[in-house]
Amino acid sequence: MLMGLFRRPLNTSYLVERLLTNALNLPDYQTDIGPEIVRRILAAERGIARYEDYEQTLDSDRLRARKFKTEKQRVALRNQIVHELVTYPKPADDEEMQLGVGGALPHTGVVSSGEAFLIIGLPAAGKSTLSNKLSEDFGAVVLDSDYAKRKLPEFRRANYCGASIVNKESSRIIWGFPGTDFQDLSAICFQNRYNIVSPRIGNAPKQVLATLRLLRAAGYQRVHLVLISIGKGEATIRALKRFYQTGRYVPTSLILDEFGNDPSYCYYYLRSKFADAFDSLGALIAVNGGYQCLDYIERPDVRSPAADYKFIDITHLLP
């Protein structure tokens, strides 16, 4: 979309401090986030930069854990992860997810009625919370590459760069390896028309429309699109607080500079040009740990998930 032309470097303490105090307006960042946040961001950024010249775990055995280095071992690992995701229920806390623990199934049981929910928004917007609720309410399997990431052994690598180096491989485990007979999680769901929830950034309309076409081809009769709207500054602060608590780092400039406001632009573009292609569309805003509804469109016989939240009339703010 519109962002992604520039990503600010964060390779010195001075640059990190300026980001926190100026760009994010956190003069008391040691209190607001944590006393070691500058050192941790710097360590994470340097860790990621160290591996930028390498391929990810998808292709590079140099980055793979010793026990899962060869392609044969890797395929067996991917099969195990898919099996766990399609067999075990979701853990109470996503942070508990790891190899051998946790899956993608709702505790209420899987429903096969061909209904899909695409949840878009910036990192730390609150997509997982809404996805988990919809999963339980509609008996939907969660198609989230973050689940696969947590099961890959490299995810917990030192220097906070694990999530970055398994990014491509985790996405393939959920959405498939083109040109292979690998049975990914989405393929299993599509074959059985399991209800699904798919949280993603949603910063490109073409990618969202491609997923919509994939779902329609698989026989999904109801497809909902929901945006969780949040300012890029607030999303960055949330992501940094989560990083401080859990050690999971999303590159700060990725949120501020590359993704920016693109999920919101994507939603409103699709709303204006392709509203009839979806069965419902809705926009929520993250407020005080919950959601409020900004907008929704739905067919007469379909209810948008956004309609379940208190509506905020913002028409008076529009030009």
C-alpha atoms as a PDB file:
ATOM      1  CA  MET A   1       0.000   0.000   0.000  1.00  0.00           C
ATOM      2  CA  LEU A   2       1.378   3.412   1.003  1.00  0.00           C
ATOM      3  CA  MET A   3       4.026   2.542   3.575  1.00  0.00           C
ATOM      4  CA  GLY A   4       7.199   0.478   3.370  1.00  0.00           C
ATOM      5  CA  LEU A   5       9.400   2.970   1.494  1.00  0.00           C
ATOM      6  CA  PHE A   6      11.503   3.708   4.589  1.00  0.00           C
ATOM      7  CA  ARG A   7      12.450   1.810   7.725  1.00  0.00           C
ATOM      8  CA  ARG A   8      14.341   3.766  10.348  1.00  0.00           C
ATOM      9  CA  PRO A   9      17.606   2.234  11.586  1.00  0.00           C
ATOM     10  CA  LEU A  10      17.778   1.366  15.283  1.00  0.00           C
ATOM     11  CA  ASN A  11      21.389   0.277  15.595  1.00  0.00           C
ATOM     12  CA  THR A  12      22.548   2.651  18.357  1.00  0.00           C
ATOM     13  CA  SER A  13      21.261   3.490  21.818  1.00  0.00           C
ATOM     14  CA  TYR A  14      20.843   7.102  20.732  1.00  0.00           C
ATOM     15  CA  LEU A  15      18.499   6.160  17.864  1.00  0.00           C
ATOM     16  CA  VAL A  16      16.453   3.852  20.090  1.00  0.00           C
ATOM     17  CA  GLU A  17      16.122   6.532  22.762  1.00  0.00           C
ATOM     18  CA  ARG A  18      15.005   9.089  20.155  1.00  0.00           C
ATOM     19  CA  LEU A  19      12.408   6.643  18.875  1.00  0.00           C
ATOM     20  CA  LEU A  20      10.976   6.193  22.365  1.00  0.00           C
ATOM     21  CA  THR A  21      11.035   9.834  23.441  1.00  0.00           C
ATOM     22  CA  ASN A  22      10.190  11.566  20.139  1.00  0.00           C
ATOM     23  CA  ALA A  23       8.357   9.215  17.756  1.00  0.00           C
ATOM     24  CA  LEU A  24       6.422   7.401  20.505  1.00  0.00           C
ATOM     25  CA  ASN A  25       6.254  10.320  22.962  1.00  0.00           C
ATOM     26  CA  LEU A  26       7.453   8.243  25.907  1.00  0.00           C
ATOM     27  CA  PRO A  27       9.803  10.509  27.892  1.00  0.00           C
ATOM     28  CA  ASP A  28       9.383   8.156  30.875  1.00  0.00           C
ATOM     29  CA  TYR A  29       9.904   4.996  28.811  1.00  0.00           C
ATOM     30  CA  GLN A  30      11.813   3.235  31.599  1.00  0.00           C
ATOM     31  CA  THR A  31       8.661   3.460  33.730  1.00  0.00           C
ATOM     32  CA  ASP A  32       6.106   3.010  30.928  1.00  0.00           C
ATOM     33  CA  ILE A  33       7.756  -0.076  29.435  1.00  0.00           C
ATOM     34  CA  GLY A  34      10.766  -1.216  31.461  1.00  0.00           C
ATOM     35  CA  PRO A  35      14.204  -0.100  32.663  1.00  0.00           C
ATOM     36  CA  GLU A  36      16.141  -2.258  30.185  1.00  0.00           C
ATOM     37  CA  ILE A  37      13.995  -1.614  27.109  1.00  0.00           C
ATOM     38  CA  VAL A  38      16.698   0.325  25.210  1.00  0.00           C
ATOM     39  CA  ARG A  39      19.261  -2.448  25.685  1.00  0.00           C
ATOM     40  CA  ARG A  40      16.737  -5.121  24.698  1.00  0.00           C
ATOM     41  CA  ILE A  41      15.577  -3.323  21.547  1.00  0.00           C
ATOM     42  CA  LEU A  42      19.195  -2.775  20.541  1.00  0.00           C
ATOM     43  CA  ALA A  43      20.038  -6.447  21.134  1.00  0.00           C
ATOM     44  CA  ALA A  44      17.000  -7.555  19.129  1.00  0.00           C
ATOM     45  CA  GLU A  45      17.740  -5.227  16.210  1.00  0.00           C
ATOM     46  CA  ARG A  46      21.378  -6.332  16.106  1.00  0.00           C
ATOM     47  CA  GLY A  47      20.344  -9.971  16.308  1.00  0.00           C
ATOM     48  CA  ILE A  48      17.987  -9.573  13.352  1.00  0.00           C
ATOM     49  CA  ALA A  49      20.590  -7.628  11.344  1.00  0.00           C
ATOM     50  CA  ARG A  50      23.085 -10.429  11.940  1.00  0.00           C
ATOM     51  CA  TYR A  51      20.853 -12.864  10.053  1.00  0.00           C
ATOM     52  CA  GLU A  52      19.644 -10.542   7.284  1.00  0.00           C
ATOM     53  CA  ASP A  53      22.240 -11.897   4.861  1.00  0.00           C
ATOM     54  CA  TYR A  54      21.142 -15.493   5.483  1.00  0.00           C
ATOM     55  CA  GLU A  55      18.129 -17.332   4.188  1.00  0.00           C
ATOM     56  CA  GLN A  56      15.546 -18.224   6.805  1.00  0.00           C
ATOM     57  CA  THR A  57      15.034 -21.657   8.359  1.00  0.00           C
ATOM     58  CA  LEU A  58      12.801 -22.471   5.398  1.00  0.00           C
ATOM     59  CA  ASP A  59      15.889 -22.940   3.218  1.00  0.00           C
ATOM     60  CA  SER A  60      19.014 -22.546   5.340  1.00  0.00           C
ATOM     61  CA  ASP A  61      20.287 -25.422   7.471  1.00  0.00           C
ATOM     62  CA  ARG A  62      22.780 -22.990   9.072  1.00  0.00           C
ATOM     63  CA  LEU A  63      19.927 -21.459  11.050  1.00  0.00           C
ATOM     64  CA  ARG A  64      18.188 -24.707  11.976  1.00  0.00           C
ATOM     65  CA  ALA A  65      18.354 -26.444  15.345  1.00  0.00           C
ATOM     66  CA  ARG A  66      20.790 -29.370  15.303  1.00  0.00           C
ATOM     67  CA  LYS A  67      18.058 -31.979  15.808  1.00  0.00           C
ATOM     68  CA  PHE A  68      16.101 -30.698  12.785  1.00  0.00           C
ATOM     69  CA  LYS A  69      18.832 -29.738  10.298  1.00  0.00           C
ATOM     70  CA  THR A  70      18.300 -32.053   7.326  1.00  0.00           C
ATOM     71  CA  GLU A  71      15.404 -31.688   4.917  1.00  0.00           C
ATOM     72  CA  LYS A  72      14.081 -35.109   5.949  1.00  0.00           C
ATOM     73  CA  GLN A  73      14.111 -34.104   9.611  1.00  0.00           C
ATOM     74  CA  ARG A  74      12.516 -30.790   8.703  1.00  0.00           C
ATOM     75  CA  VAL A  75       9.632 -32.362   6.797  1.00  0.00           C
ATOM     76  CA  ALA A  76       8.979 -34.700   9.730  1.00  0.00           C
ATOM     77  CA  LEU A  77       8.966 -31.689  12.073  1.00  0.00           C
ATOM     78  CA  ARG A  78       6.491 -29.801   9.877  1.00  0.00           C
ATOM     79  CA  ASN A  79       4.210 -32.841   9.719  1.00  0.00           C
ATOM     80  CA  GLN A  80       4.332 -33.142  13.506  1.00  0.00           C
ATOM     81  CA  ILE A  81       3.410 -29.465  13.902  1.00  0.00           C
ATOM     82  CA  VAL A  82       0.415 -29.756  11.565  1.00  0.00           C
ATOM     83  CA  HIS A  83      -0.713 -32.912  13.370  1.00  0.00           C
ATOM     84  CA  GLU A  84      -0.561 -31.147  16.736  1.00  0.00           C
ATOM     85  CA  LEU A  85      -2.380 -28.062  15.440  1.00  0.00           C
ATOM     86  CA  VAL A  86      -5.240 -30.089  13.969  1.00  0.00           C
ATOM     87  CA  THR A  87      -5.459 -32.434  16.978  1.00  0.00           C
ATOM     88  CA  TYR A  88      -4.997 -30.379  20.164  1.00  0.00           C
ATOM     89  CA  PRO A  89      -7.157 -27.533  21.516  1.00  0.00           C
ATOM     90  CA  LYS A  90      -5.791 -24.022  21.884  1.00  0.00           C
ATOM     91  CA  PRO A  91      -3.892 -23.370  25.116  1.00  0.00           C
ATOM     92  CA  ALA A  92      -5.317 -20.913  27.639  1.00  0.00           C
ATOM     93  CA  ASP A  93      -2.434 -18.549  26.862  1.00  0.00           C
ATOM     94  CA  ASP A  94      -0.755 -18.331  23.445  1.00  0.00           C
ATOM     95  CA  GLU A  95       2.610 -18.028  25.207  1.00  0.00           C
ATOM     96  CA  GLU A  96       2.204 -21.662  26.337  1.00  0.00           C
ATOM     97  CA  MET A  97       2.229 -22.918  22.740  1.00  0.00           C
ATOM     98  CA  GLN A  98       5.299 -25.001  21.884  1.00  0.00           C
ATOM     99  CA  LEU A  99       6.219 -28.282  20.250  1.00  0.00           C
ATOM    100  CA  GLY A 100       4.150 -30.956  21.981  1.00  0.00           C
ATOM    101  CA  VAL A 101       1.857 -28.441  23.690  1.00  0.00           C
ATOM    102  CA  GLY A 102      -1.237 -26.766  22.270  1.00  0.00           C
ATOM    103  CA  GLY A 103      -3.110 -26.790  18.993  1.00  0.00           C
ATOM    104  CA  ALA A 104      -5.448 -24.681  16.866  1.00  0.00           C
ATOM    105  CA  LEU A 105      -8.812 -26.241  17.745  1.00  0.00           C
ATOM    106  CA  PRO A 106     -11.633 -24.594  19.704  1.00  0.00           C
ATOM    107  CA  HIS A 107     -12.592 -26.137  23.038  1.00  0.00           C
ATOM    108  CA  THR A 108     -16.218 -26.047  21.898  1.00  0.00           C
ATOM    109  CA  GLY A 109     -15.529 -28.490  19.060  1.00  0.00           C
ATOM    110  CA  VAL A 110     -14.925 -27.924  15.355  1.00  0.00           C
ATOM    111  CA  VAL A 111     -17.918 -27.026  13.170  1.00  0.00           C
ATOM    112  CA  SER A 112     -17.926 -27.860   9.441  1.00  0.00           C
ATOM    113  CA  SER A 113     -20.241 -25.247   7.953  1.00  0.00           C
ATOM    114  CA  GLY A 114     -17.867 -23.443   5.600  1.00  0.00           C
ATOM    115  CA  GLU A 115     -17.643 -20.116   7.445  1.00  0.00           C
ATOM    116  CA  ALA A 116     -14.435 -18.052   7.512  1.00  0.00           C
ATOM    117  CA  PHE A 117     -13.328 -14.959   9.420  1.00  0.00           C
ATOM    118  CA  LEU A 118     -10.401 -12.873   8.151  1.00  0.00           C
ATOM    119  CA  ILE A 119      -9.120 -10.610  10.935  1.00  0.00           C
ATOM    120  CA  ILE A 120      -6.723  -7.853   9.864  1.00  0.00           C
ATOM    121  CA  GLY A 121      -4.759  -5.294  11.868  1.00  0.00           C
ATOM    122  CA  LEU A 122      -1.311  -4.238  13.008  1.00  0.00           C
ATOM    123  CA  PRO A 123       0.805  -6.393  15.334  1.00  0.00           C
ATOM    124  CA  ALA A 124      -0.426  -6.074  18.946  1.00  0.00           C
ATOM    125  CA  ALA A 125      -3.779  -4.637  17.791  1.00  0.00           C
ATOM    126  CA  GLY A 126      -5.682  -7.415  19.553  1.00  0.00           C
ATOM    127  CA  LYS A 127      -6.242  -9.855  16.684  1.00  0.00           C
ATOM    128  CA  SER A 128      -5.521 -12.938  18.804  1.00  0.00           C
ATOM    129  CA  THR A 129      -8.106 -12.034  21.449  1.00  0.00           C
ATOM    130  CA  LEU A 130     -10.856 -11.583  18.864  1.00  0.00           C
ATOM    131  CA  SER A 131      -9.720 -14.659  16.924  1.00  0.00           C
ATOM    132  CA  ASN A 132      -9.913 -16.829  20.041  1.00  0.00           C
ATOM    133  CA  LYS A 133     -13.418 -15.567  20.816  1.00  0.00           C
ATOM    134  CA  LEU A 134     -14.668 -16.231  17.280  1.00  0.00           C
ATOM    135  CA  SER A 135     -12.966 -19.625  17.326  1.00  0.00           C
ATOM    136  CA  GLU A 136     -14.960 -20.672  20.387  1.00  0.00           C
ATOM    137  CA  ASP A 137     -18.222 -19.010  19.287  1.00  0.00           C
ATOM    138  CA  PHE A 138     -18.243 -20.548  15.803  1.00  0.00           C
ATOM    139  CA  GLY A 139     -16.267 -23.770  16.282  1.00  0.00           C
ATOM    140  CA  ALA A 140     -13.474 -22.437  14.078  1.00  0.00           C
ATOM    141  CA  VAL A 141      -9.899 -23.642  13.655  1.00  0.00           C
ATOM    142  CA  VAL A 142      -7.364 -20.812  14.026  1.00  0.00           C
ATOM    143  CA  LEU A 143      -5.102 -20.511  10.976  1.00  0.00           C
ATOM    144  CA  ASP A 144      -2.358 -18.411  12.525  1.00  0.00           C
ATOM    145  CA  SER A 145       1.270 -18.693  11.475  1.00  0.00           C
ATOM    146  CA  ASP A 146       2.230 -17.498  14.970  1.00  0.00           C
ATOM    147  CA  TYR A 147       1.057 -20.885  16.287  1.00  0.00           C
ATOM    148  CA  ALA A 148       3.433 -22.675  13.923  1.00  0.00           C
ATOM    149  CA  LYS A 149       6.229 -20.230  14.810  1.00  0.00           C
ATOM    150  CA  ARG A 150       5.993 -21.108  18.481  1.00  0.00           C
ATOM    151  CA  LYS A 151       6.348 -24.812  17.689  1.00  0.00           C
ATOM    152  CA  LEU A 152       9.510 -24.338  15.630  1.00  0.00           C
ATOM    153  CA  PRO A 153      12.550 -24.833  17.908  1.00  0.00           C
ATOM    154  CA  GLU A 154      14.381 -21.785  16.529  1.00  0.00           C
ATOM    155  CA  PHE A 155      11.576 -19.473  17.704  1.00  0.00           C
ATOM    156  CA  ARG A 156      13.172 -19.109  21.146  1.00  0.00           C
ATOM    157  CA  ARG A 157      16.641 -18.385  19.813  1.00  0.00           C
ATOM    158  CA  ALA A 158      18.790 -15.922  21.759  1.00  0.00           C
ATOM    159  CA  ASN A 159      18.990 -12.244  20.769  1.00  0.00           C
ATOM    160  CA  TYR A 160      15.215 -12.125  20.266  1.00  0.00           C
ATOM    161  CA  CYS A 161      15.456 -12.867  16.525  1.00  0.00           C
ATOM    162  CA  GLY A 162      13.788 -16.290  16.511  1.00  0.00           C
ATOM    163  CA  ALA A 163      10.377 -15.096  15.321  1.00  0.00           C
ATOM    164  CA  SER A 164      11.975 -13.340  12.350  1.00  0.00           C
ATOM    165  CA  ILE A 165      14.041 -16.266  11.059  1.00  0.00           C
ATOM    166  CA  VAL A 166      11.104 -18.734  11.120  1.00  0.00           C
ATOM    167  CA  ASN A 167       8.633 -16.325   9.517  1.00  0.00           C
ATOM    168  CA  LYS A 168       8.484 -17.891   6.042  1.00  0.00           C
ATOM    169  CA  GLU A 169       8.531 -21.501   7.223  1.00  0.00           C
ATOM    170  CA  SER A 170       5.710 -20.979   9.709  1.00  0.00           C
ATOM    171  CA  SER A 171       3.544 -19.380   7.015  1.00  0.00           C
ATOM    172  CA  ARG A 172       4.108 -22.365   4.705  1.00  0.00           C
ATOM    173  CA  ILE A 173       3.151 -24.814   7.462  1.00  0.00           C
ATOM    174  CA  ILE A 174      -0.231 -23.097   7.658  1.00  0.00           C
ATOM    175  CA  TRP A 175      -0.792 -22.198   3.985  1.00  0.00           C
ATOM    176  CA  GLY A 176       1.201 -24.755   2.039  1.00  0.00           C
ATOM    177  CA  PHE A 177       4.448 -25.535   0.209  1.00  0.00           C
ATOM    178  CA  PRO A 178       3.762 -24.979  -3.523  1.00  0.00           C
ATOM    179  CA  GLY A 179       4.762 -27.866  -5.754  1.00  0.00           C
ATOM    180  CA  THR A 180       4.836 -30.440  -2.940  1.00  0.00           C
ATOM    181  CA  ASP A 181       2.382 -32.949  -1.504  1.00  0.00           C
ATOM    182  CA  PHE A 182       2.794 -31.525   2.007  1.00  0.00           C
ATOM    183  CA  GLN A 183      -0.536 -31.520   3.837  1.00  0.00           C
ATOM    184  CA  ASP A 184      -0.626 -28.081   5.425  1.00  0.00           C
ATOM    185  CA  LEU A 185      -3.158 -26.979   8.035  1.00  0.00           C
ATOM    186  CA  SER A 186      -5.295 -24.893   5.670  1.00  0.00           C
ATOM    187  CA  ALA A 187      -5.598 -27.786   3.207  1.00  0.00           C
ATOM    188  CA  ILE A 188      -6.959 -30.065   5.934  1.00  0.00           C
ATOM    189  CA  CYS A 189      -9.466 -27.402   6.977  1.00  0.00           C
ATOM    190  CA  PHE A 190     -10.563 -26.731   3.392  1.00  0.00           C
ATOM    191  CA  GLN A 191     -11.046 -30.424   2.627  1.00  0.00           C
ATOM    192  CA  ASN A 192     -13.419 -30.718   5.584  1.00  0.00           C
ATOM    193  CA  ARG A 193     -14.925 -27.216   5.264  1.00  0.00           C
ATOM    194  CA  TYR A 194     -14.002 -26.545   8.875  1.00  0.00           C
ATOM    195  CA  ASN A 195     -14.934 -23.087  10.052  1.00  0.00           C
ATOM    196  CA  ILE A 196     -11.739 -21.036  10.221  1.00  0.00           C
ATOM    197  CA  VAL A 197     -10.404 -17.815  11.724  1.00  0.00           C
ATOM    198  CA  SER A 198      -7.359 -16.283  10.061  1.00  0.00           C
ATOM    199  CA  PRO A 199      -5.616 -13.335  11.773  1.00  0.00           C
ATOM    200  CA  ARG A 200      -3.128 -11.486   9.584  1.00  0.00           C
ATOM    201  CA  ILE A 201      -1.694  -7.997   9.030  1.00  0.00           C
ATOM    202  CA  GLY A 202      -3.819  -7.405   5.944  1.00  0.00           C
ATOM    203  CA  ASN A 203      -1.700  -4.624   4.521  1.00  0.00           C
ATOM    204  CA  ALA A 204      -2.297  -5.530   0.851  1.00  0.00           C
ATOM    205  CA  PRO A 205      -5.773  -5.829  -0.739  1.00  0.00           C
ATOM    206  CA  LYS A 206      -4.466  -8.253  -3.381  1.00  0.00           C
ATOM    207  CA  GLN A 207      -3.434 -10.748  -0.695  1.00  0.00           C
ATOM    208  CA  VAL A 208      -6.781 -10.507   1.103  1.00  0.00           C
ATOM    209  CA  LEU A 209      -8.655 -10.968  -2.190  1.00  0.00           C
ATOM    210  CA  ALA A 210      -6.441 -13.949  -3.064  1.00  0.00           C
ATOM    211  CA  THR A 211      -7.391 -15.591   0.250  1.00  0.00           C
ATOM    212  CA  LEU A 212     -11.054 -14.806  -0.436  1.00  0.00           C
ATOM    213  CA  ARG A 213     -10.856 -16.536  -3.834  1.00  0.00           C
ATOM    214  CA  LEU A 214      -9.121 -19.517  -2.229  1.00  0.00           C
ATOM    215  CA  LEU A 215     -11.923 -19.818   0.328  1.00  0.00           C
ATOM    216  CA  ARG A 216     -14.671 -19.534  -2.276  1.00  0.00           C
ATOM    217  CA  ALA A 217     -12.990 -22.204  -4.414  1.00  0.00           C
ATOM    218  CA  ALA A 218     -12.912 -24.484  -1.356  1.00  0.00           C
ATOM    219  CA  GLY A 219     -16.670 -24.070  -0.870  1.00  0.00           C
ATOM    220  CA  TYR A 220     -16.781 -21.478   1.899  1.00  0.00           C
ATOM    221  CA  GLN A 221     -20.187 -19.819   1.604  1.00  0.00           C
ATOM    222  CA  ARG A 222     -19.704 -17.152   4.276  1.00  0.00           C
ATOM    223  CA  VAL A 223     -16.559 -15.062   4.478  1.00  0.00           C
ATOM    224  CA  HIS A 224     -16.290 -12.155   6.931  1.00  0.00           C
ATOM    225  CA  LEU A 225     -13.648  -9.424   6.967  1.00  0.00           C
ATOM    226  CA  VAL A 226     -12.942  -7.615  10.249  1.00  0.00           C
ATOM    227  CA  LEU A 227     -10.440  -4.804  10.791  1.00  0.00           C
ATOM    228  CA  ILE A 228      -9.083  -4.019  14.245  1.00  0.00           C
ATOM    229  CA  SER A 229      -8.102  -0.384  13.909  1.00  0.00           C
ATOM    230  CA  ILE A 230      -5.287   1.007  16.027  1.00  0.00           C
ATOM    231  CA  GLY A 231      -2.823   3.849  15.546  1.00  0.00           C
ATOM    232  CA  LYS A 232       0.647   2.758  14.520  1.00  0.00           C
ATOM    233  CA  GLY A 233       2.182   4.515  17.526  1.00  0.00           C
ATOM    234  CA  GLU A 234      -0.133   2.782  19.982  1.00  0.00           C
ATOM    235  CA  ALA A 235       0.450  -0.568  18.254  1.00  0.00           C
ATOM    236  CA  THR A 236       4.209  -0.063  18.551  1.00  0.00           C
ATOM    237  CA  ILE A 237       3.981   0.757  22.260  1.00  0.00           C
ATOM    238  CA  ARG A 238       1.815  -2.318  22.853  1.00  0.00           C
ATOM    239  CA  ALA A 239       4.268  -4.482  20.906  1.00  0.00           C
ATOM    240  CA  LEU A 240       7.195  -3.157  22.953  1.00  0.00           C
ATOM    241  CA  LYS A 241       5.388  -3.841  26.227  1.00  0.00           C
ATOM    242  CA  ARG A 242       4.657  -7.375  25.032  1.00  0.00           C
ATOM    243  CA  PHE A 243       8.293  -7.749  23.989  1.00  0.00           C
ATOM    244  CA  TYR A 244       9.454  -6.683  27.438  1.00  0.00           C
ATOM    245  CA  GLN A 245       7.135  -9.229  29.073  1.00  0.00           C
ATOM    246  CA  THR A 246       7.565 -12.195  26.723  1.00  0.00           C
ATOM    247  CA  GLY A 247      10.788 -11.677  24.753  1.00  0.00           C
ATOM    248  CA  ARG A 248       8.928 -11.853  21.419  1.00  0.00           C
ATOM    249  CA  TYR A 249      10.158  -8.979  19.275  1.00  0.00           C
ATOM    250  CA  VAL A 250       8.394  -7.515  16.260  1.00  0.00           C
ATOM    251  CA  PRO A 251      10.801  -5.057  14.589  1.00  0.00           C
ATOM    252  CA  THR A 252       9.654  -1.612  15.664  1.00  0.00           C
ATOM    253  CA  SER A 253      10.245   0.001  12.283  1.00  0.00           C
ATOM    254  CA  LEU A 254       8.196  -2.775  10.675  1.00  0.00           C
ATOM    255  CA  ILE A 255       5.117  -1.500  12.517  1.00  0.00           C
ATOM    256  CA  LEU A 256       5.838   2.233  12.325  1.00  0.00           C
ATOM    257  CA  ASP A 257       7.317   2.501   8.844  1.00  0.00           C
ATOM    258  CA  GLU A 258       6.486  -0.566   6.747  1.00  0.00           C
ATOM    259  CA  PHE A 259       2.959  -1.487   7.838  1.00  0.00           C
ATOM    260  CA  GLY A 260       1.932   1.916   9.179  1.00  0.00           C
ATOM    261  CA  ASN A 261      -1.765   2.501   8.578  1.00  0.00           C
ATOM    262  CA  ASP A 262      -1.976   0.028   5.693  1.00  0.00           C
ATOM    263  CA  PRO A 263      -4.445  -2.418   7.331  1.00  0.00           C
ATOM    264  CA  SER A 264      -6.970   0.420   7.686  1.00  0.00           C
ATOM    265  CA  TYR A 265      -6.351   1.587   4.115  1.00  0.00           C
ATOM    266  CA  CYS A 266      -6.776  -2.012   2.957  1.00  0.00           C
ATOM    267  CA  TYR A 267     -10.090  -2.438   4.767  1.00  0.00           C
ATOM    268  CA  TYR A 268     -11.628   0.780   3.480  1.00  0.00           C
ATOM    269  CA  TYR A 269     -10.382   0.108  -0.051  1.00  0.00           C
ATOM    270  CA  LEU A 270     -12.014  -3.331  -0.020  1.00  0.00           C
ATOM    271  CA  ARG A 271     -15.138  -1.850   1.551  1.00  0.00           C
ATOM    272  CA  SER A 272     -15.462   0.703  -1.240  1.00  0.00           C
ATOM    273  CA  LYS A 273     -14.509  -1.544  -4.181  1.00  0.00           C
ATOM    274  CA  PHE A 274     -15.293  -5.143  -3.194  1.00  0.00           C
ATOM    275  CA  ALA A 275     -17.931  -5.019  -0.450  1.00  0.00           C
ATOM    276  CA  ASP A 276     -20.215  -7.358  -2.418  1.00  0.00           C
ATOM    277  CA  ALA A 277     -17.488 -10.015  -2.531  1.00  0.00           C
ATOM    278  CA  PHE A 278     -17.696 -10.544   1.241  1.00  0.00           C
ATOM    279  CA  ASP A 279     -20.677 -11.674   3.282  1.00  0.00           C
ATOM    280  CA  SER A 280     -19.914  -9.069   5.924  1.00  0.00           C
ATOM    281  CA  LEU A 281     -17.321  -6.412   6.665  1.00  0.00           C
ATOM    282  CA  GLY A 282     -16.708  -4.668   9.952  1.00  0.00           C
ATOM    283  CA  ALA A 283     -14.229  -2.330  11.616  1.00  0.00           C
ATOM    284  CA  LEU A 284     -13.476  -2.349  15.330  1.00  0.00           C
ATOM    285  CA  ILE A 285     -11.293   0.003  17.328  1.00  0.00           C
ATOM    286  CA  ALA A 286      -9.177  -1.284  20.194  1.00  0.00           C
ATOM    287  CA  VAL A 287     -10.229   0.647  23.326  1.00  0.00           C
ATOM    288  CA  ASN A 288      -9.158   0.018  26.934  1.00  0.00           C
ATOM    289  CA  GLY A 289      -8.464  -3.666  26.444  1.00  0.00           C
ATOM    290  CA  GLY A 290     -11.673  -4.254  24.461  1.00  0.00           C
ATOM    291  CA  TYR A 291     -13.306  -3.276  21.190  1.00  0.00           C
ATOM    292  CA  GLN A 292     -15.889  -0.814  19.947  1.00  0.00           C
ATOM    293  CA  CYS A 293     -17.528  -0.834  16.534  1.00  0.00           C
ATOM    294  CA  LEU A 294     -16.693   1.836  13.955  1.00  0.00           C
ATOM    295  CA  ASP A 295     -18.438   0.411  10.916  1.00  0.00           C
ATOM    296  CA  TYR A 296     -20.057  -2.697   9.486  1.00  0.00           C
ATOM    297  CA  ILE A 297     -21.857  -3.964   6.406  1.00  0.00           C
ATOM    298  CA  GLU A 298     -23.724  -7.262   6.332  1.00  0.00           C
ATOM    299  CA  ARG A 299     -26.113  -9.213   4.154  1.00  0.00           C
ATOM    300  CA  PRO A 300     -29.722  -9.520   5.399  1.00  0.00           C
ATOM    301  CA  ASP A 301     -29.186 -13.124   6.525  1.00  0.00           C
ATOM    302  CA  VAL A 302     -25.645 -12.644   7.886  1.00  0.00           C
ATOM    303  CA  ARG A 303     -24.386 -10.907  11.019  1.00  0.00           C
ATOM    304  CA  SER A 304     -21.002  -9.200  11.112  1.00  0.00           C
ATOM    305  CA  PRO A 305     -18.881 -10.009  14.189  1.00  0.00           C
ATOM    306  CA  ALA A 306     -18.302  -6.254  14.509  1.00  0.00           C
ATOM    307  CA  ALA A 307     -22.022  -5.723  15.133  1.00  0.00           C
ATOM    308  CA  ASP A 308     -21.678  -7.421  18.535  1.00  0.00           C
ATOM    309  CA  TYR A 309     -19.767  -4.424  19.907  1.00  0.00           C
ATOM    310  CA  LYS A 310     -20.948  -0.968  20.976  1.00  0.00           C
ATOM    311  CA  PHE A 311     -21.195   1.342  17.970  1.00  0.00           C
ATOM    312  CA  ILE A 312     -19.279   4.637  17.907  1.00  0.00           C
ATOM    313  CA  ASP A 313     -20.749   7.252  15.571  1.00  0.00           C
ATOM    314  CA  ILE A 314     -17.806   9.037  13.931  1.00  0.00           C
ATOM    315  CA  THR A 315     -19.675  10.545  10.987  1.00  0.00           C
ATOM    316  CA  HIS A 316     -19.336  13.995  12.557  1.00  0.00           C
ATOM    317  CA  LEU A 317     -15.548  13.628  12.358  1.00  0.00           C
ATOM    318  CA  LEU A 318     -15.534  12.859   8.650  1.00  0.00           C
ATOM    319  CA  PRO A 319     -14.900  15.634   6.082  1.00  0.00           C
END
